Amino acid sequence: MLVLAFFFLVFIALKERNTYYRSLSSLSSKEKDYQKLNLSKMEKQRERLSWEKARQDIEELKKDYFYDEGEGINRLRLDLQRIFDECEIDVSPEKRYSYTKFEKESIRKVNISFDTWGSYFSLKKFIDSVEKLPMFLVIERIDFLDTTPKGSPLRLKITLAGYYAL
């Protein structure tokens, strides 16, 4: 009877031991899956926070550095005139404006093209003034129209881009 009880206990114990090890292996696998999911969740939260920060930065840029569409192009023209006056460069009265609208970004781009002439230093001062302007006005293109001998004024065609928040 004792031998029969021993064999019964050994077979049941072996079966239970195998079940225990399978359960332990399954638990370990599920813990690893949980850790991966938890890391993925934390990464997605960090990514969401970085996108929210980027959205806030864009809104701040639009508010502080883009021209306001409500004011129209007047503010941009006034800024340009102030820069022209400060730099003492001659600008052709004819300025060409072209507009591009970026629906997805909710901004509008205004290109202003004009011819100008002046000394190297006045043109250098003009470029510096545009770059230092706090508003989002950038020099897109500079073409040399005339490269004459030393001492003559430089003639340039300049294209500026100003950006408006919609």
C-alpha atoms as a PDB file:
ATOM      1  CA  MET A   1       0.000   0.000   0.000  1.00  0.00           C
ATOM      2  CA  LEU A   2       2.882   2.274   0.857  1.00  0.00           C
ATOM      3  CA  VAL A   3       4.552   1.602  -2.488  1.00  0.00           C
ATOM      4  CA  LEU A   4       1.283   2.282  -4.278  1.00  0.00           C
ATOM      5  CA  ALA A   5       0.856   5.544  -2.380  1.00  0.00           C
ATOM      6  CA  PHE A   6       4.455   6.453  -3.200  1.00  0.00           C
ATOM      7  CA  PHE A   7       3.956   5.883  -6.971  1.00  0.00           C
ATOM      8  CA  PHE A   8       0.679   7.762  -6.893  1.00  0.00           C
ATOM      9  CA  LEU A   9       2.332  10.688  -5.116  1.00  0.00           C
ATOM     10  CA  VAL A  10       5.323  10.662  -7.498  1.00  0.00           C
ATOM     11  CA  PHE A  11       3.122  10.694 -10.633  1.00  0.00           C
ATOM     12  CA  ILE A  12       0.826  13.389  -9.291  1.00  0.00           C
ATOM     13  CA  ALA A  13       3.778  15.367  -7.954  1.00  0.00           C
ATOM     14  CA  LEU A  14       5.583  15.133 -11.309  1.00  0.00           C
ATOM     15  CA  LYS A  15       2.479  16.249 -13.162  1.00  0.00           C
ATOM     16  CA  GLU A  16       1.958  19.130 -10.730  1.00  0.00           C
ATOM     17  CA  ARG A  17       5.647  20.047 -10.915  1.00  0.00           C
ATOM     18  CA  ASN A  18       5.494  20.168 -14.716  1.00  0.00           C
ATOM     19  CA  THR A  19       2.331  22.270 -14.528  1.00  0.00           C
ATOM     20  CA  TYR A  20       4.095  24.580 -12.069  1.00  0.00           C
ATOM     21  CA  TYR A  21       7.111  25.043 -14.376  1.00  0.00           C
ATOM     22  CA  ARG A  22       4.885  25.671 -17.404  1.00  0.00           C
ATOM     23  CA  SER A  23       2.930  28.260 -15.424  1.00  0.00           C
ATOM     24  CA  LEU A  24       6.158  29.856 -14.216  1.00  0.00           C
ATOM     25  CA  SER A  25       7.468  30.016 -17.793  1.00  0.00           C
ATOM     26  CA  SER A  26       4.179  31.507 -18.995  1.00  0.00           C
ATOM     27  CA  LEU A  27       4.266  34.069 -16.184  1.00  0.00           C
ATOM     28  CA  SER A  28       7.837  35.063 -17.091  1.00  0.00           C
ATOM     29  CA  SER A  29       6.862  35.471 -20.742  1.00  0.00           C
ATOM     30  CA  LYS A  30       3.832  37.597 -19.814  1.00  0.00           C
ATOM     31  CA  GLU A  31       5.981  39.760 -17.502  1.00  0.00           C
ATOM     32  CA  LYS A  32       8.386  40.419 -20.390  1.00  0.00           C
ATOM     33  CA  ASP A  33       5.455  41.312 -22.661  1.00  0.00           C
ATOM     34  CA  TYR A  34       4.105  43.644 -19.974  1.00  0.00           C
ATOM     35  CA  GLN A  35       7.497  45.362 -19.626  1.00  0.00           C
ATOM     36  CA  LYS A  36       7.679  45.852 -23.412  1.00  0.00           C
ATOM     37  CA  LEU A  37       4.164  47.273 -23.486  1.00  0.00           C
ATOM     38  CA  ASN A  38       4.933  49.546 -20.547  1.00  0.00           C
ATOM     39  CA  LEU A  39       8.103  50.853 -22.262  1.00  0.00           C
ATOM     40  CA  SER A  40       6.155  51.389 -25.471  1.00  0.00           C
ATOM     41  CA  LYS A  41       3.461  53.279 -23.550  1.00  0.00           C
ATOM     42  CA  MET A  42       6.046  55.509 -21.869  1.00  0.00           C
ATOM     43  CA  GLU A  43       7.747  56.203 -25.225  1.00  0.00           C
ATOM     44  CA  LYS A  44       4.418  57.138 -26.805  1.00  0.00           C
ATOM     45  CA  GLN A  45       3.674  59.460 -23.874  1.00  0.00           C
ATOM     46  CA  ARG A  46       7.067  61.151 -24.320  1.00  0.00           C
ATOM     47  CA  GLU A  47       6.412  61.482 -28.052  1.00  0.00           C
ATOM     48  CA  ARG A  48       2.951  62.960 -27.395  1.00  0.00           C
ATOM     49  CA  LEU A  49       4.461  65.464 -24.968  1.00  0.00           C
ATOM     50  CA  SER A  50       7.129  66.457 -27.484  1.00  0.00           C
ATOM     51  CA  TRP A  51       4.440  67.006 -30.147  1.00  0.00           C
ATOM     52  CA  GLU A  52       2.438  69.121 -27.718  1.00  0.00           C
ATOM     53  CA  LYS A  53       5.577  71.161 -26.987  1.00  0.00           C
ATOM     54  CA  ALA A  54       6.179  71.576 -30.724  1.00  0.00           C
ATOM     55  CA  ARG A  55       2.572  72.722 -31.193  1.00  0.00           C
ATOM     56  CA  GLN A  56       3.013  75.270 -28.390  1.00  0.00           C
ATOM     57  CA  ASP A  57       6.262  76.477 -29.965  1.00  0.00           C
ATOM     58  CA  ILE A  58       4.544  76.919 -33.325  1.00  0.00           C
ATOM     59  CA  GLU A  59       1.719  78.877 -31.726  1.00  0.00           C
ATOM     60  CA  GLU A  60       4.275  81.090 -29.943  1.00  0.00           C
ATOM     61  CA  LEU A  61       6.127  81.629 -33.222  1.00  0.00           C
ATOM     62  CA  LYS A  62       2.899  82.554 -34.980  1.00  0.00           C
ATOM     63  CA  LYS A  63       1.963  84.952 -32.208  1.00  0.00           C
ATOM     64  CA  ASP A  64       5.330  86.660 -31.707  1.00  0.00           C
ATOM     65  CA  TYR A  65       7.243  86.359 -34.984  1.00  0.00           C
ATOM     66  CA  PHE A  66       4.716  86.094 -37.802  1.00  0.00           C
ATOM     67  CA  TYR A  67       2.934  89.101 -39.178  1.00  0.00           C
ATOM     68  CA  ASP A  68      -0.725  89.342 -38.263  1.00  0.00           C
ATOM     69  CA  GLU A  69      -3.055  88.881 -41.217  1.00  0.00           C
ATOM     70  CA  GLY A  70      -5.556  91.277 -39.641  1.00  0.00           C
ATOM     71  CA  GLU A  71      -3.106  94.139 -40.153  1.00  0.00           C
ATOM     72  CA  GLY A  72      -2.708  93.189 -43.789  1.00  0.00           C
ATOM     73  CA  ILE A  73       0.547  93.895 -45.527  1.00  0.00           C
ATOM     74  CA  ASN A  74       0.885  97.367 -43.981  1.00  0.00           C
ATOM     75  CA  ARG A  75       3.091  96.258 -41.080  1.00  0.00           C
ATOM     76  CA  LEU A  76       5.434  94.464 -43.461  1.00  0.00           C
ATOM     77  CA  ARG A  77       5.640  97.530 -45.712  1.00  0.00           C
ATOM     78  CA  LEU A  78       6.346  99.777 -42.730  1.00  0.00           C
ATOM     79  CA  ASP A  79       9.114  97.452 -41.527  1.00  0.00           C
ATOM     80  CA  LEU A  80      10.654  97.436 -45.000  1.00  0.00           C
ATOM     81  CA  GLN A  81      10.489 101.212 -45.306  1.00  0.00           C
ATOM     82  CA  ARG A  82      12.103 101.618 -41.891  1.00  0.00           C
ATOM     83  CA  ILE A  83      14.927  99.281 -42.912  1.00  0.00           C
ATOM     84  CA  PHE A  84      15.404 101.093 -46.222  1.00  0.00           C
ATOM     85  CA  ASP A  85      15.603 104.437 -44.412  1.00  0.00           C
ATOM     86  CA  GLU A  86      18.051 103.151 -41.781  1.00  0.00           C
ATOM     87  CA  CYS A  87      20.373 101.584 -44.343  1.00  0.00           C
ATOM     88  CA  GLU A  88      20.258 104.502 -46.757  1.00  0.00           C
ATOM     89  CA  ILE A  89      19.946 102.359 -49.851  1.00  0.00           C
ATOM     90  CA  ASP A  90      18.060 103.312 -52.978  1.00  0.00           C
ATOM     91  CA  VAL A  91      15.168 101.072 -53.882  1.00  0.00           C
ATOM     92  CA  SER A  92      13.178 101.064 -57.097  1.00  0.00           C
ATOM     93  CA  PRO A  93       9.629 102.291 -56.516  1.00  0.00           C
ATOM     94  CA  GLU A  94       8.319  99.213 -58.295  1.00  0.00           C
ATOM     95  CA  LYS A  95       7.981  96.285 -55.916  1.00  0.00           C
ATOM     96  CA  ARG A  96       6.438  93.001 -56.974  1.00  0.00           C
ATOM     97  CA  TYR A  97       4.354  91.053 -54.477  1.00  0.00           C
ATOM     98  CA  SER A  98       3.354  87.417 -54.818  1.00  0.00           C
ATOM     99  CA  TYR A  99       1.342  85.392 -52.350  1.00  0.00           C
ATOM    100  CA  THR A 100       1.360  81.720 -51.417  1.00  0.00           C
ATOM    101  CA  LYS A 101      -1.050  80.157 -48.955  1.00  0.00           C
ATOM    102  CA  PHE A 102      -0.169  77.040 -46.965  1.00  0.00           C
ATOM    103  CA  GLU A 103      -3.527  75.645 -45.828  1.00  0.00           C
ATOM    104  CA  LYS A 104      -2.177  72.800 -43.704  1.00  0.00           C
ATOM    105  CA  GLU A 105       0.178  75.050 -41.713  1.00  0.00           C
ATOM    106  CA  SER A 106      -2.310  77.972 -41.563  1.00  0.00           C
ATOM    107  CA  ILE A 107       0.246  80.478 -42.823  1.00  0.00           C
ATOM    108  CA  ARG A 108       0.627  82.723 -45.842  1.00  0.00           C
ATOM    109  CA  LYS A 109       3.895  83.655 -47.498  1.00  0.00           C
ATOM    110  CA  VAL A 110       4.392  86.999 -49.222  1.00  0.00           C
ATOM    111  CA  ASN A 111       7.343  87.396 -51.602  1.00  0.00           C
ATOM    112  CA  ILE A 112       8.520  90.949 -52.232  1.00  0.00           C
ATOM    113  CA  SER A 113      10.939  91.491 -55.126  1.00  0.00           C
ATOM    114  CA  PHE A 114      12.651  94.801 -55.847  1.00  0.00           C
ATOM    115  CA  ASP A 115      15.780  96.274 -57.366  1.00  0.00           C
ATOM    116  CA  THR A 116      18.192  98.181 -55.191  1.00  0.00           C
ATOM    117  CA  TRP A 117      21.544  99.867 -55.489  1.00  0.00           C
ATOM    118  CA  GLY A 118      24.019 101.238 -53.052  1.00  0.00           C
ATOM    119  CA  SER A 119      27.458 100.806 -51.584  1.00  0.00           C
ATOM    120  CA  TYR A 120      28.671  97.479 -50.342  1.00  0.00           C
ATOM    121  CA  PHE A 121      28.426  98.673 -46.730  1.00  0.00           C
ATOM    122  CA  SER A 122      24.866  99.990 -47.046  1.00  0.00           C
ATOM    123  CA  LEU A 123      23.767  96.713 -48.638  1.00  0.00           C
ATOM    124  CA  LYS A 124      25.567  94.770 -45.941  1.00  0.00           C
ATOM    125  CA  LYS A 125      23.750  96.881 -43.330  1.00  0.00           C
ATOM    126  CA  PHE A 126      20.448  96.162 -45.123  1.00  0.00           C
ATOM    127  CA  ILE A 127      21.027  92.400 -44.984  1.00  0.00           C
ATOM    128  CA  ASP A 128      22.001  92.643 -41.320  1.00  0.00           C
ATOM    129  CA  SER A 129      18.871  94.683 -40.517  1.00  0.00           C
ATOM    130  CA  VAL A 130      16.616  92.130 -42.196  1.00  0.00           C
ATOM    131  CA  GLU A 131      18.286  89.287 -40.314  1.00  0.00           C
ATOM    132  CA  LYS A 132      17.950  91.096 -36.959  1.00  0.00           C
ATOM    133  CA  LEU A 133      14.292  92.003 -37.468  1.00  0.00           C
ATOM    134  CA  PRO A 134      12.281  90.112 -34.859  1.00  0.00           C
ATOM    135  CA  MET A 135       9.512  89.349 -37.341  1.00  0.00           C
ATOM    136  CA  PHE A 136       9.740  86.371 -39.672  1.00  0.00           C
ATOM    137  CA  LEU A 137      11.105  88.165 -42.739  1.00  0.00           C
ATOM    138  CA  VAL A 138      13.856  86.353 -44.617  1.00  0.00           C
ATOM    139  CA  ILE A 139      16.003  86.996 -47.642  1.00  0.00           C
ATOM    140  CA  GLU A 140      15.144  84.352 -50.196  1.00  0.00           C
ATOM    141  CA  ARG A 141      17.279  85.443 -53.084  1.00  0.00           C
ATOM    142  CA  ILE A 142      19.872  88.018 -54.080  1.00  0.00           C
ATOM    143  CA  ASP A 143      20.825  88.473 -57.739  1.00  0.00           C
ATOM    144  CA  PHE A 144      23.655  90.767 -58.806  1.00  0.00           C
ATOM    145  CA  LEU A 145      22.374  92.844 -61.703  1.00  0.00           C
ATOM    146  CA  ASP A 146      25.510  94.811 -62.338  1.00  0.00           C
ATOM    147  CA  THR A 147      29.047  94.260 -61.131  1.00  0.00           C
ATOM    148  CA  THR A 148      30.849  97.401 -62.180  1.00  0.00           C
ATOM    149  CA  PRO A 149      34.342  98.571 -61.276  1.00  0.00           C
ATOM    150  CA  LYS A 150      35.412  99.474 -57.764  1.00  0.00           C
ATOM    151  CA  GLY A 151      33.652 102.415 -56.167  1.00  0.00           C
ATOM    152  CA  SER A 152      30.469 102.133 -58.246  1.00  0.00           C
ATOM    153  CA  PRO A 153      27.215 101.285 -56.501  1.00  0.00           C
ATOM    154  CA  LEU A 154      26.192  97.658 -56.549  1.00  0.00           C
ATOM    155  CA  ARG A 155      22.894  96.842 -58.259  1.00  0.00           C
ATOM    156  CA  LEU A 156      20.934  93.942 -56.827  1.00  0.00           C
ATOM    157  CA  LYS A 157      17.575  92.285 -57.234  1.00  0.00           C
ATOM    158  CA  ILE A 158      16.411  91.098 -53.815  1.00  0.00           C
ATOM    159  CA  THR A 159      13.525  88.782 -53.007  1.00  0.00           C
ATOM    160  CA  LEU A 160      12.275  88.800 -49.423  1.00  0.00           C
ATOM    161  CA  ALA A 161       9.676  86.494 -47.885  1.00  0.00           C
ATOM    162  CA  GLY A 162       7.385  87.542 -45.065  1.00  0.00           C
ATOM    163  CA  TYR A 163       5.091  85.109 -43.290  1.00  0.00           C
ATOM    164  CA  TYR A 164       1.588  85.718 -41.963  1.00  0.00           C
ATOM    165  CA  ALA A 165      -0.329  83.609 -39.482  1.00  0.00           C
ATOM    166  CA  LEU A 166      -3.885  82.897 -40.586  1.00  0.00           C
END
